[in-house]
Amino acid sequence: MSTTMSLNPIRSLTADDLGIGIAAATAGHASNRPDEPEVGIEDPLAVEALWLLERFGGIIYTGPPGTGKTWTANKVAKALTRGEGSRVRYVQFHPSYQYEDFMQGFRPLEKGGFKMEDGHFVSMCREAQRDPKRHYVLVIDELSRGDCGRIFGEALTYLEASKRGLPFKLASGEEISVPINLVVLATMNPLDRGVDEVDAAFGRRFAQVSMEPSRNALQQFMEISGLSEPLTEGLLRFFDFVNKRAQSNPHAAVGHVFFHDVNDAESLRAVWEYQLRFLLEKAFRLDQQGFREVHGRWRAIFPSDESVSNEEGTAQESIGGQFDAEQS
């Protein structure tokens, strides 16, 4: 892997640019199914990841919920390590995550006292250094949920492709370096509060791949699942409508992965009842009429189902009550 750092600004690539929009849909229905085909090192996912990693210190897959960010990161990690789970480590950032968890810090001992121990990042650096001819991959989910500057500390500078292998000191005073063969993949929602900090910290260091809701991927899911043509057409109309609304209200974006297990009317209704309803109520919490329009488009998927009218009443009462309470 080359250590040459590109002088151009970060490239923002779409899922279709990388060939992963439709590939993600046709490879299988979900990211954790045991019968799902694995992504090989020759797959466009892995090929493009390697191309980016020659120029940047890592890759951030960014997009709204349900667009396959984690699926893609997991598949790339498995491809680069040829399915060897011992060479992949998964971490999820959150507001209370600290330098001591990720880099190095004291850990309490059962018999009392404390001992300095490596965190996930330093452990992966050491493992990669001992095996320089193979890739080791650290996957960071929800990158923007943590305080990246505090979590990475001095290591931020040395994530750059041009600074890999250069020694630096940890807070403990111990010297270490980030090896060339350590791959860092991350995911984030561009609407998270910590995105500005991520942009500042990783702007010159990581490539960003934009993962957007894909109508083509949704259509592929429905073909694979055998959903009836009327329901498929209705779902596609709803998908187009809600994501057009998301142009002015980004929180309303609905990703295609929400529907990867849909194969009949019952499973389609369950997506609304247990997932989409809550996402969209939150997105339109200050726009009651907007929610009614979106919900009406959803109900139009099932024109002959009389029970939907009861569902509408329940949902309208919920959003109406929440809206009224916030206004008061």
C-alpha atoms as a PDB file:
ATOM      1  CA  MET A   1       0.000   0.000   0.000  1.00  0.00           C
ATOM      2  CA  SER A   2       1.455   3.326  -1.011  1.00  0.00           C
ATOM      3  CA  THR A   3       2.052   6.010   1.580  1.00  0.00           C
ATOM      4  CA  THR A   4       1.738   8.884  -0.894  1.00  0.00           C
ATOM      5  CA  MET A   5      -0.676  11.518   0.355  1.00  0.00           C
ATOM      6  CA  SER A   6      -2.928  13.178  -2.229  1.00  0.00           C
ATOM      7  CA  LEU A   7      -2.664  16.958  -2.392  1.00  0.00           C
ATOM      8  CA  ASN A   8      -6.279  17.239  -3.533  1.00  0.00           C
ATOM      9  CA  PRO A   9      -9.091  17.858  -1.055  1.00  0.00           C
ATOM     10  CA  ILE A  10     -11.146  14.938   0.187  1.00  0.00           C
ATOM     11  CA  ARG A  11     -13.148  13.239  -2.544  1.00  0.00           C
ATOM     12  CA  SER A  12     -16.811  12.749  -1.833  1.00  0.00           C
ATOM     13  CA  LEU A  13     -17.924   9.648  -3.726  1.00  0.00           C
ATOM     14  CA  THR A  14     -21.418   8.250  -4.068  1.00  0.00           C
ATOM     15  CA  ALA A  15     -22.315   4.618  -3.543  1.00  0.00           C
ATOM     16  CA  ASP A  16     -22.931   4.270  -7.275  1.00  0.00           C
ATOM     17  CA  ASP A  17     -19.513   5.790  -8.066  1.00  0.00           C
ATOM     18  CA  LEU A  18     -17.962   2.992  -6.053  1.00  0.00           C
ATOM     19  CA  GLY A  19     -20.220   0.359  -7.518  1.00  0.00           C
ATOM     20  CA  ILE A  20     -21.702  -0.491  -4.145  1.00  0.00           C
ATOM     21  CA  GLY A  21     -25.239   0.825  -4.466  1.00  0.00           C
ATOM     22  CA  ILE A  22     -26.645  -2.088  -6.426  1.00  0.00           C
ATOM     23  CA  ALA A  23     -23.919  -4.508  -5.327  1.00  0.00           C
ATOM     24  CA  ALA A  24     -25.013  -4.054  -1.740  1.00  0.00           C
ATOM     25  CA  ALA A  25     -28.572  -4.828  -2.666  1.00  0.00           C
ATOM     26  CA  THR A  26     -27.847  -7.907  -4.762  1.00  0.00           C
ATOM     27  CA  ALA A  27     -25.272  -9.471  -2.438  1.00  0.00           C
ATOM     28  CA  GLY A  28     -27.947 -10.344   0.084  1.00  0.00           C
ATOM     29  CA  HIS A  29     -30.778  -8.976   2.175  1.00  0.00           C
ATOM     30  CA  ALA A  30     -28.911  -8.090   5.353  1.00  0.00           C
ATOM     31  CA  SER A  31     -25.438  -7.616   6.684  1.00  0.00           C
ATOM     32  CA  ASN A  32     -25.335 -10.428   9.207  1.00  0.00           C
ATOM     33  CA  ARG A  33     -27.021 -13.356   7.498  1.00  0.00           C
ATOM     34  CA  PRO A  34     -24.940 -16.546   7.587  1.00  0.00           C
ATOM     35  CA  ASP A  35     -25.946 -17.464   4.021  1.00  0.00           C
ATOM     36  CA  GLU A  36     -25.029 -14.088   2.555  1.00  0.00           C
ATOM     37  CA  PRO A  37     -22.228 -14.148  -0.077  1.00  0.00           C
ATOM     38  CA  GLU A  38     -18.959 -12.658   1.134  1.00  0.00           C
ATOM     39  CA  VAL A  39     -17.260  -9.777  -0.644  1.00  0.00           C
ATOM     40  CA  GLY A  40     -13.954 -10.903  -2.156  1.00  0.00           C
ATOM     41  CA  ILE A  41     -10.782  -8.868  -2.531  1.00  0.00           C
ATOM     42  CA  GLU A  42     -11.587  -8.455  -6.247  1.00  0.00           C
ATOM     43  CA  ASP A  43     -15.061  -7.044  -5.547  1.00  0.00           C
ATOM     44  CA  PRO A  44     -15.608  -3.344  -6.451  1.00  0.00           C
ATOM     45  CA  LEU A  45     -16.132  -2.620  -2.747  1.00  0.00           C
ATOM     46  CA  ALA A  46     -12.646  -3.827  -1.865  1.00  0.00           C
ATOM     47  CA  VAL A  47     -10.950  -2.569  -5.024  1.00  0.00           C
ATOM     48  CA  GLU A  48     -12.196   0.978  -4.531  1.00  0.00           C
ATOM     49  CA  ALA A  49     -11.370   0.854  -0.810  1.00  0.00           C
ATOM     50  CA  LEU A  50      -7.786  -0.112  -1.618  1.00  0.00           C
ATOM     51  CA  TRP A  51      -7.587   2.679  -4.198  1.00  0.00           C
ATOM     52  CA  LEU A  52      -8.747   5.226  -1.615  1.00  0.00           C
ATOM     53  CA  LEU A  53      -6.462   3.852   1.093  1.00  0.00           C
ATOM     54  CA  GLU A  54      -3.426   4.435  -1.125  1.00  0.00           C
ATOM     55  CA  ARG A  55      -4.252   8.145  -1.009  1.00  0.00           C
ATOM     56  CA  PHE A  56      -5.908   8.710   2.369  1.00  0.00           C
ATOM     57  CA  GLY A  57      -5.430   7.543   5.943  1.00  0.00           C
ATOM     58  CA  GLY A  58      -8.842   5.882   6.099  1.00  0.00           C
ATOM     59  CA  ILE A  59     -12.408   5.945   4.820  1.00  0.00           C
ATOM     60  CA  ILE A  60     -15.570   7.412   6.344  1.00  0.00           C
ATOM     61  CA  TYR A  61     -18.888   6.107   5.041  1.00  0.00           C
ATOM     62  CA  THR A  62     -21.359   8.911   5.652  1.00  0.00           C
ATOM     63  CA  GLY A  63     -25.115   9.101   5.113  1.00  0.00           C
ATOM     64  CA  PRO A  64     -28.568   9.014   6.726  1.00  0.00           C
ATOM     65  CA  PRO A  65     -29.928   5.929   8.529  1.00  0.00           C
ATOM     66  CA  GLY A  66     -30.632   2.842   6.474  1.00  0.00           C
ATOM     67  CA  THR A  67     -28.231   3.482   3.587  1.00  0.00           C
ATOM     68  CA  GLY A  68     -25.834   0.589   4.218  1.00  0.00           C
ATOM     69  CA  LYS A  69     -22.919   2.394   5.885  1.00  0.00           C
ATOM     70  CA  THR A  70     -22.185  -0.276   8.489  1.00  0.00           C
ATOM     71  CA  TRP A  71     -22.912  -3.061   5.988  1.00  0.00           C
ATOM     72  CA  THR A  72     -20.331  -1.603   3.619  1.00  0.00           C
ATOM     73  CA  ALA A  73     -17.668  -1.076   6.292  1.00  0.00           C
ATOM     74  CA  ASN A  74     -18.139  -4.641   7.561  1.00  0.00           C
ATOM     75  CA  LYS A  75     -17.926  -6.132   4.084  1.00  0.00           C
ATOM     76  CA  VAL A  76     -14.809  -4.153   3.177  1.00  0.00           C
ATOM     77  CA  ALA A  77     -13.183  -5.208   6.453  1.00  0.00           C
ATOM     78  CA  LYS A  78     -13.912  -8.880   5.747  1.00  0.00           C
ATOM     79  CA  ALA A  79     -12.660  -8.588   2.184  1.00  0.00           C
ATOM     80  CA  LEU A  80      -9.385  -6.903   3.144  1.00  0.00           C
ATOM     81  CA  THR A  81      -8.698  -9.530   5.812  1.00  0.00           C
ATOM     82  CA  ARG A  82     -10.041 -12.421   3.695  1.00  0.00           C
ATOM     83  CA  GLY A  83     -12.580 -13.240   6.371  1.00  0.00           C
ATOM     84  CA  GLU A  84     -10.097 -13.653   9.234  1.00  0.00           C
ATOM     85  CA  GLY A  85     -12.014 -12.209  12.170  1.00  0.00           C
ATOM     86  CA  SER A  86      -8.884 -12.003  14.337  1.00  0.00           C
ATOM     87  CA  ARG A  87      -7.605  -9.190  12.090  1.00  0.00           C
ATOM     88  CA  VAL A  88     -10.742  -7.043  12.453  1.00  0.00           C
ATOM     89  CA  ARG A  89     -11.879  -5.097  15.492  1.00  0.00           C
ATOM     90  CA  TYR A  90     -15.159  -3.194  15.876  1.00  0.00           C
ATOM     91  CA  VAL A  91     -15.607  -0.137  18.082  1.00  0.00           C
ATOM     92  CA  GLN A  92     -18.602   2.161  18.538  1.00  0.00           C
ATOM     93  CA  PHE A  93     -18.058   5.731  19.667  1.00  0.00           C
ATOM     94  CA  HIS A  94     -20.438   7.425  22.112  1.00  0.00           C
ATOM     95  CA  PRO A  95     -20.369  10.651  24.169  1.00  0.00           C
ATOM     96  CA  SER A  96     -18.643   9.069  27.172  1.00  0.00           C
ATOM     97  CA  TYR A  97     -15.944   7.280  25.148  1.00  0.00           C
ATOM     98  CA  GLN A  98     -12.455   8.447  26.161  1.00  0.00           C
ATOM     99  CA  TYR A  99      -8.747   8.355  25.249  1.00  0.00           C
ATOM    100  CA  GLU A 100      -8.228   5.771  27.969  1.00  0.00           C
ATOM    101  CA  ASP A 101     -10.731   3.429  26.292  1.00  0.00           C
ATOM    102  CA  PHE A 102      -9.360   3.807  22.796  1.00  0.00           C
ATOM    103  CA  MET A 103      -5.637   4.517  23.147  1.00  0.00           C
ATOM    104  CA  GLN A 104      -4.155   3.650  26.527  1.00  0.00           C
ATOM    105  CA  GLY A 105      -5.147   3.996  30.169  1.00  0.00           C
ATOM    106  CA  PHE A 106      -5.150   2.556  33.645  1.00  0.00           C
ATOM    107  CA  ARG A 107      -7.440  -0.398  34.377  1.00  0.00           C
ATOM    108  CA  PRO A 108      -8.428  -1.570  37.884  1.00  0.00           C
ATOM    109  CA  LEU A 109      -7.137  -4.948  39.042  1.00  0.00           C
ATOM    110  CA  GLU A 110      -9.263  -7.525  40.859  1.00  0.00           C
ATOM    111  CA  LYS A 111      -6.961  -7.517  43.881  1.00  0.00           C
ATOM    112  CA  GLY A 112      -6.714  -3.736  44.016  1.00  0.00           C
ATOM    113  CA  GLY A 113      -4.533  -1.195  42.325  1.00  0.00           C
ATOM    114  CA  PHE A 114      -4.296  -0.223  38.662  1.00  0.00           C
ATOM    115  CA  LYS A 115      -2.392  -1.333  35.594  1.00  0.00           C
ATOM    116  CA  MET A 116      -1.642   0.528  32.362  1.00  0.00           C
ATOM    117  CA  GLU A 117      -3.252  -1.313  29.451  1.00  0.00           C
ATOM    118  CA  ASP A 118      -3.583  -0.707  25.735  1.00  0.00           C
ATOM    119  CA  GLY A 119      -6.910   0.379  24.292  1.00  0.00           C
ATOM    120  CA  HIS A 120      -8.373  -0.827  21.003  1.00  0.00           C
ATOM    121  CA  PHE A 121      -6.328   1.422  18.725  1.00  0.00           C
ATOM    122  CA  VAL A 122      -2.928   0.762  20.286  1.00  0.00           C
ATOM    123  CA  SER A 123      -3.654  -2.977  20.459  1.00  0.00           C
ATOM    124  CA  MET A 124      -4.438  -3.032  16.739  1.00  0.00           C
ATOM    125  CA  CYS A 125      -1.293  -1.026  15.976  1.00  0.00           C
ATOM    126  CA  ARG A 126       0.840  -3.591  17.792  1.00  0.00           C
ATOM    127  CA  GLU A 127      -0.850  -6.531  16.066  1.00  0.00           C
ATOM    128  CA  ALA A 128      -0.421  -4.940  12.640  1.00  0.00           C
ATOM    129  CA  GLN A 129       3.247  -4.179  13.317  1.00  0.00           C
ATOM    130  CA  ARG A 130       3.909  -7.846  14.119  1.00  0.00           C
ATOM    131  CA  ASP A 131       2.325  -8.933  10.824  1.00  0.00           C
ATOM    132  CA  PRO A 132       3.275  -6.218   8.296  1.00  0.00           C
ATOM    133  CA  LYS A 133       2.388  -8.170   5.144  1.00  0.00           C
ATOM    134  CA  ARG A 134      -1.349  -8.402   5.912  1.00  0.00           C
ATOM    135  CA  HIS A 135      -4.134  -5.880   6.490  1.00  0.00           C
ATOM    136  CA  TYR A 136      -5.567  -5.265   9.948  1.00  0.00           C
ATOM    137  CA  VAL A 137      -8.822  -3.332  10.074  1.00  0.00           C
ATOM    138  CA  LEU A 138     -10.350  -1.167  12.785  1.00  0.00           C
ATOM    139  CA  VAL A 139     -14.024  -0.359  12.127  1.00  0.00           C
ATOM    140  CA  ILE A 140     -15.381   2.644  14.057  1.00  0.00           C
ATOM    141  CA  ASP A 141     -19.157   2.906  14.045  1.00  0.00           C
ATOM    142  CA  GLU A 142     -20.844   6.243  14.847  1.00  0.00           C
ATOM    143  CA  LEU A 143     -17.588   8.191  14.554  1.00  0.00           C
ATOM    144  CA  SER A 144     -19.310  11.544  15.040  1.00  0.00           C
ATOM    145  CA  ARG A 145     -20.906  10.515  18.355  1.00  0.00           C
ATOM    146  CA  GLY A 146     -17.603  10.803  20.203  1.00  0.00           C
ATOM    147  CA  ASP A 147     -15.140  13.619  20.907  1.00  0.00           C
ATOM    148  CA  CYS A 148     -12.626  12.598  18.250  1.00  0.00           C
ATOM    149  CA  GLY A 149      -9.884  15.016  19.290  1.00  0.00           C
ATOM    150  CA  ARG A 150      -9.968  13.749  22.845  1.00  0.00           C
ATOM    151  CA  ILE A 151     -10.315  10.068  21.899  1.00  0.00           C
ATOM    152  CA  PHE A 152      -7.467   9.940  19.356  1.00  0.00           C
ATOM    153  CA  GLY A 153      -5.145  12.444  21.016  1.00  0.00           C
ATOM    154  CA  GLU A 154      -1.710  12.595  19.367  1.00  0.00           C
ATOM    155  CA  ALA A 155      -2.599   9.735  17.016  1.00  0.00           C
ATOM    156  CA  LEU A 156      -4.796  12.009  14.870  1.00  0.00           C
ATOM    157  CA  THR A 157      -1.790  13.510  13.121  1.00  0.00           C
ATOM    158  CA  TYR A 158      -0.254  10.114  12.420  1.00  0.00           C
ATOM    159  CA  LEU A 159      -3.347   8.682  10.762  1.00  0.00           C
ATOM    160  CA  GLU A 160      -2.330  10.530   7.602  1.00  0.00           C
ATOM    161  CA  ALA A 161      -0.991   8.246   4.900  1.00  0.00           C
ATOM    162  CA  SER A 162       2.215  10.303   4.649  1.00  0.00           C
ATOM    163  CA  LYS A 163       2.907   9.979   8.401  1.00  0.00           C
ATOM    164  CA  ARG A 164       2.317   6.264   8.840  1.00  0.00           C
ATOM    165  CA  GLY A 165       5.276   4.557  10.487  1.00  0.00           C
ATOM    166  CA  LEU A 166       6.581   7.730  12.139  1.00  0.00           C
ATOM    167  CA  PRO A 167       7.032   7.395  15.918  1.00  0.00           C
ATOM    168  CA  PHE A 168       5.080   9.526  18.395  1.00  0.00           C
ATOM    169  CA  LYS A 169       4.503   9.437  22.114  1.00  0.00           C
ATOM    170  CA  LEU A 170       1.353   8.402  23.929  1.00  0.00           C
ATOM    171  CA  ALA A 171       0.154  10.287  26.993  1.00  0.00           C
ATOM    172  CA  SER A 172       1.993   7.694  29.114  1.00  0.00           C
ATOM    173  CA  GLY A 173       5.282   8.641  27.453  1.00  0.00           C
ATOM    174  CA  GLU A 174       5.513   5.348  25.572  1.00  0.00           C
ATOM    175  CA  GLU A 175       6.534   5.612  21.926  1.00  0.00           C
ATOM    176  CA  ILE A 176       4.483   4.001  19.153  1.00  0.00           C
ATOM    177  CA  SER A 177       3.681   4.417  15.450  1.00  0.00           C
ATOM    178  CA  VAL A 178       0.652   3.772  13.238  1.00  0.00           C
ATOM    179  CA  PRO A 179       1.640   1.048  10.756  1.00  0.00           C
ATOM    180  CA  ILE A 180       0.870   1.277   7.052  1.00  0.00           C
ATOM    181  CA  ASN A 181      -1.136  -1.949   7.088  1.00  0.00           C
ATOM    182  CA  LEU A 182      -3.632  -0.755   9.720  1.00  0.00           C
ATOM    183  CA  VAL A 183      -6.829   0.224   7.902  1.00  0.00           C
ATOM    184  CA  VAL A 184      -9.331   2.512   9.626  1.00  0.00           C
ATOM    185  CA  LEU A 185     -12.926   2.434   8.366  1.00  0.00           C
ATOM    186  CA  ALA A 186     -15.619   4.555   9.988  1.00  0.00           C
ATOM    187  CA  THR A 187     -19.314   5.374   9.656  1.00  0.00           C
ATOM    188  CA  MET A 188     -21.240   8.484  10.597  1.00  0.00           C
ATOM    189  CA  ASN A 189     -24.558  10.242  10.140  1.00  0.00           C
ATOM    190  CA  PRO A 190     -23.945  13.711   8.636  1.00  0.00           C
ATOM    191  CA  LEU A 191     -26.680  15.137  10.877  1.00  0.00           C
ATOM    192  CA  ASP A 192     -24.992  14.149  14.148  1.00  0.00           C
ATOM    193  CA  ARG A 193     -23.905  16.982  16.404  1.00  0.00           C
ATOM    194  CA  GLY A 194     -20.228  16.009  16.260  1.00  0.00           C
ATOM    195  CA  VAL A 195     -19.908  16.177  12.457  1.00  0.00           C
ATOM    196  CA  ASP A 196     -18.178  19.580  12.431  1.00  0.00           C
ATOM    197  CA  GLU A 197     -15.512  18.226  14.748  1.00  0.00           C
ATOM    198  CA  VAL A 198     -15.050  15.147  12.584  1.00  0.00           C
ATOM    199  CA  ASP A 199     -14.698  17.306   9.469  1.00  0.00           C
ATOM    200  CA  ALA A 200     -12.038  19.396  11.180  1.00  0.00           C
ATOM    201  CA  ALA A 201     -10.130  16.404  12.549  1.00  0.00           C
ATOM    202  CA  PHE A 202     -10.337  14.076   9.552  1.00  0.00           C
ATOM    203  CA  GLY A 203     -10.828  16.508   6.667  1.00  0.00           C
ATOM    204  CA  ARG A 204      -7.315  16.147   5.240  1.00  0.00           C
ATOM    205  CA  ARG A 205      -6.778  12.613   6.423  1.00  0.00           C
ATOM    206  CA  PHE A 206      -9.758  10.487   5.398  1.00  0.00           C
ATOM    207  CA  ALA A 207     -11.758  10.001   2.217  1.00  0.00           C
ATOM    208  CA  GLN A 208     -15.506  10.393   2.609  1.00  0.00           C
ATOM    209  CA  VAL A 209     -17.912   8.143   0.732  1.00  0.00           C
ATOM    210  CA  SER A 210     -21.463   9.480   0.559  1.00  0.00           C
ATOM    211  CA  MET A 211     -24.095   6.783   1.112  1.00  0.00           C
ATOM    212  CA  GLU A 212     -27.494   8.059  -0.032  1.00  0.00           C
ATOM    213  CA  PRO A 213     -30.961   6.456  -0.250  1.00  0.00           C
ATOM    214  CA  SER A 214     -30.990   4.459  -3.479  1.00  0.00           C
ATOM    215  CA  ARG A 215     -34.176   3.844  -5.445  1.00  0.00           C
ATOM    216  CA  ASN A 216     -32.375   1.294  -7.619  1.00  0.00           C
ATOM    217  CA  ALA A 217     -31.183  -0.636  -4.569  1.00  0.00           C
ATOM    218  CA  LEU A 218     -34.710  -0.619  -3.132  1.00  0.00           C
ATOM    219  CA  GLN A 219     -36.065  -1.933  -6.415  1.00  0.00           C
ATOM    220  CA  GLN A 220     -33.490  -4.722  -6.361  1.00  0.00           C
ATOM    221  CA  PHE A 221     -34.508  -5.657  -2.805  1.00  0.00           C
ATOM    222  CA  MET A 222     -38.133  -5.950  -3.871  1.00  0.00           C
ATOM    223  CA  GLU A 223     -37.262  -8.087  -6.902  1.00  0.00           C
ATOM    224  CA  ILE A 224     -35.234 -10.439  -4.719  1.00  0.00           C
ATOM    225  CA  SER A 225     -37.943 -10.704  -2.048  1.00  0.00           C
ATOM    226  CA  GLY A 226     -40.776 -11.187  -4.551  1.00  0.00           C
ATOM    227  CA  LEU A 227     -42.944  -8.362  -3.192  1.00  0.00           C
ATOM    228  CA  SER A 228     -46.102  -7.984  -5.294  1.00  0.00           C
ATOM    229  CA  GLU A 229     -46.017  -5.435  -8.095  1.00  0.00           C
ATOM    230  CA  PRO A 230     -48.752  -3.148  -6.651  1.00  0.00           C
ATOM    231  CA  LEU A 231     -47.005  -2.953  -3.275  1.00  0.00           C
ATOM    232  CA  THR A 232     -43.617  -2.428  -4.930  1.00  0.00           C
ATOM    233  CA  GLU A 233     -44.947   0.432  -7.056  1.00  0.00           C
ATOM    234  CA  GLY A 234     -46.616   2.011  -4.032  1.00  0.00           C
ATOM    235  CA  LEU A 235     -43.456   1.697  -1.935  1.00  0.00           C
ATOM    236  CA  LEU A 236     -41.321   3.240  -4.664  1.00  0.00           C
ATOM    237  CA  ARG A 237     -43.735   6.192  -4.932  1.00  0.00           C
ATOM    238  CA  PHE A 238     -43.548   6.688  -1.157  1.00  0.00           C
ATOM    239  CA  PHE A 239     -39.747   6.366  -1.208  1.00  0.00           C
ATOM    240  CA  ASP A 240     -39.451   9.008  -3.930  1.00  0.00           C
ATOM    241  CA  PHE A 241     -41.824  11.371  -2.134  1.00  0.00           C
ATOM    242  CA  VAL A 242     -40.283  11.190   1.341  1.00  0.00           C
ATOM    243  CA  ASN A 243     -36.714  11.534   0.068  1.00  0.00           C
ATOM    244  CA  LYS A 244     -37.726  14.517  -2.053  1.00  0.00           C
ATOM    245  CA  ARG A 245     -39.080  16.074   1.141  1.00  0.00           C
ATOM    246  CA  ALA A 246     -35.724  15.272   2.746  1.00  0.00           C
ATOM    247  CA  GLN A 247     -34.078  17.806   0.430  1.00  0.00           C
ATOM    248  CA  SER A 248     -35.579  20.534   2.623  1.00  0.00           C
ATOM    249  CA  ASN A 249     -35.774  18.440   5.798  1.00  0.00           C
ATOM    250  CA  PRO A 250     -32.659  16.180   5.877  1.00  0.00           C
ATOM    251  CA  HIS A 251     -33.852  14.383   9.017  1.00  0.00           C
ATOM    252  CA  ALA A 252     -36.678  12.856   6.955  1.00  0.00           C
ATOM    253  CA  ALA A 253     -34.359  10.849   4.674  1.00  0.00           C
ATOM    254  CA  VAL A 254     -35.338   7.171   4.506  1.00  0.00           C
ATOM    255  CA  GLY A 255     -32.699   4.665   3.404  1.00  0.00           C
ATOM    256  CA  HIS A 256     -33.367   1.619   1.265  1.00  0.00           C
ATOM    257  CA  VAL A 257     -31.992  -0.813   3.871  1.00  0.00           C
ATOM    258  CA  PHE A 258     -35.095  -0.293   6.036  1.00  0.00           C
ATOM    259  CA  PHE A 259     -36.908  -2.500   3.518  1.00  0.00           C
ATOM    260  CA  HIS A 260     -34.360  -5.276   2.988  1.00  0.00           C
ATOM    261  CA  ASP A 261     -36.543  -7.912   4.704  1.00  0.00           C
ATOM    262  CA  VAL A 262     -39.893  -6.835   3.271  1.00  0.00           C
ATOM    263  CA  ASN A 263     -41.648  -9.573   1.273  1.00  0.00           C
ATOM    264  CA  ASP A 264     -45.373  -8.986   1.876  1.00  0.00           C
ATOM    265  CA  ALA A 265     -47.873  -6.411   3.143  1.00  0.00           C
ATOM    266  CA  GLU A 266     -47.494  -7.500   6.774  1.00  0.00           C
ATOM    267  CA  SER A 267     -43.715  -7.096   6.857  1.00  0.00           C
ATOM    268  CA  LEU A 268     -44.027  -3.777   5.019  1.00  0.00           C
ATOM    269  CA  ARG A 269     -46.483  -2.428   7.595  1.00  0.00           C
ATOM    270  CA  ALA A 270     -44.141  -3.571  10.374  1.00  0.00           C
ATOM    271  CA  VAL A 271     -41.393  -1.308   8.993  1.00  0.00           C
ATOM    272  CA  TRP A 272     -43.670   1.681   9.520  1.00  0.00           C
ATOM    273  CA  GLU A 273     -45.093   0.617  12.861  1.00  0.00           C
ATOM    274  CA  TYR A 274     -41.786  -0.185  14.541  1.00  0.00           C
ATOM    275  CA  GLN A 275     -39.228   2.003  12.731  1.00  0.00           C
ATOM    276  CA  LEU A 276     -40.230   4.627  10.172  1.00  0.00           C
ATOM    277  CA  ARG A 277     -43.077   6.075  12.182  1.00  0.00           C
ATOM    278  CA  PHE A 278     -40.741   7.142  14.976  1.00  0.00           C
ATOM    279  CA  LEU A 279     -38.048   8.456  12.631  1.00  0.00           C
ATOM    280  CA  LEU A 280     -40.545  10.572  10.699  1.00  0.00           C
ATOM    281  CA  GLU A 281     -42.460  11.794  13.753  1.00  0.00           C
ATOM    282  CA  LYS A 282     -39.172  13.164  15.038  1.00  0.00           C
ATOM    283  CA  ALA A 283     -38.240  14.650  11.653  1.00  0.00           C
ATOM    284  CA  PHE A 284     -41.607  16.457  11.409  1.00  0.00           C
ATOM    285  CA  ARG A 285     -42.121  17.223  15.093  1.00  0.00           C
ATOM    286  CA  LEU A 286     -42.536  20.928  14.284  1.00  0.00           C
ATOM    287  CA  ASP A 287     -44.471  20.340  11.075  1.00  0.00           C
ATOM    288  CA  GLN A 288     -47.694  18.450  11.786  1.00  0.00           C
ATOM    289  CA  GLN A 289     -49.039  18.994   8.284  1.00  0.00           C
ATOM    290  CA  GLY A 290     -45.816  17.696   6.763  1.00  0.00           C
ATOM    291  CA  PHE A 291     -46.095  14.483   8.757  1.00  0.00           C
ATOM    292  CA  ARG A 292     -49.715  14.065   7.683  1.00  0.00           C
ATOM    293  CA  GLU A 293     -48.696  14.355   4.040  1.00  0.00           C
ATOM    294  CA  VAL A 294     -45.922  11.788   4.423  1.00  0.00           C
ATOM    295  CA  HIS A 295     -48.160   9.435   6.364  1.00  0.00           C
ATOM    296  CA  GLY A 296     -50.855   9.810   3.729  1.00  0.00           C
ATOM    297  CA  ARG A 297     -48.368   8.753   1.061  1.00  0.00           C
ATOM    298  CA  TRP A 298     -47.498   5.722   3.176  1.00  0.00           C
ATOM    299  CA  ARG A 299     -51.150   4.715   3.548  1.00  0.00           C
ATOM    300  CA  ALA A 300     -51.590   5.030  -0.199  1.00  0.00           C
ATOM    301  CA  ILE A 301     -49.378   1.945  -0.569  1.00  0.00           C
ATOM    302  CA  PHE A 302     -52.325  -0.084   0.791  1.00  0.00           C
ATOM    303  CA  PRO A 303     -55.384   1.400  -0.981  1.00  0.00           C
ATOM    304  CA  SER A 304     -57.683  -1.582  -0.323  1.00  0.00           C
ATOM    305  CA  ASP A 305     -56.828  -2.110   3.331  1.00  0.00           C
ATOM    306  CA  GLU A 306     -59.548  -0.655   5.564  1.00  0.00           C
ATOM    307  CA  SER A 307     -57.537  -1.316   8.723  1.00  0.00           C
ATOM    308  CA  VAL A 308     -55.061   1.350   7.687  1.00  0.00           C
ATOM    309  CA  SER A 309     -57.534   4.057   8.659  1.00  0.00           C
ATOM    310  CA  ASN A 310     -57.257   2.913  12.281  1.00  0.00           C
ATOM    311  CA  GLU A 311     -53.474   3.043  12.024  1.00  0.00           C
ATOM    312  CA  GLU A 312     -53.762   6.598  10.690  1.00  0.00           C
ATOM    313  CA  GLY A 313     -55.868   7.694  13.634  1.00  0.00           C
ATOM    314  CA  THR A 314     -53.381   6.319  16.142  1.00  0.00           C
ATOM    315  CA  ALA A 315     -50.422   7.915  14.414  1.00  0.00           C
ATOM    316  CA  GLN A 316     -52.179  11.273  14.009  1.00  0.00           C
ATOM    317  CA  GLU A 317     -53.119  11.337  17.667  1.00  0.00           C
ATOM    318  CA  SER A 318     -49.513  10.597  18.573  1.00  0.00           C
ATOM    319  CA  ILE A 319     -47.931  13.278  16.425  1.00  0.00           C
ATOM    320  CA  GLY A 320     -50.731  15.733  17.122  1.00  0.00           C
ATOM    321  CA  GLY A 321     -50.404  15.329  20.865  1.00  0.00           C
ATOM    322  CA  GLN A 322     -46.634  15.663  20.705  1.00  0.00           C
ATOM    323  CA  PHE A 323     -46.905  18.740  18.478  1.00  0.00           C
ATOM    324  CA  ASP A 324     -49.503  20.418  20.709  1.00  0.00           C
ATOM    325  CA  ALA A 325     -47.455  19.699  23.833  1.00  0.00           C
ATOM    326  CA  GLU A 326     -44.335  21.260  22.306  1.00  0.00           C
ATOM    327  CA  GLN A 327     -46.256  24.325  21.167  1.00  0.00           C
ATOM    328  CA  SER A 328     -47.707  24.838  24.646  1.00  0.00           C
END
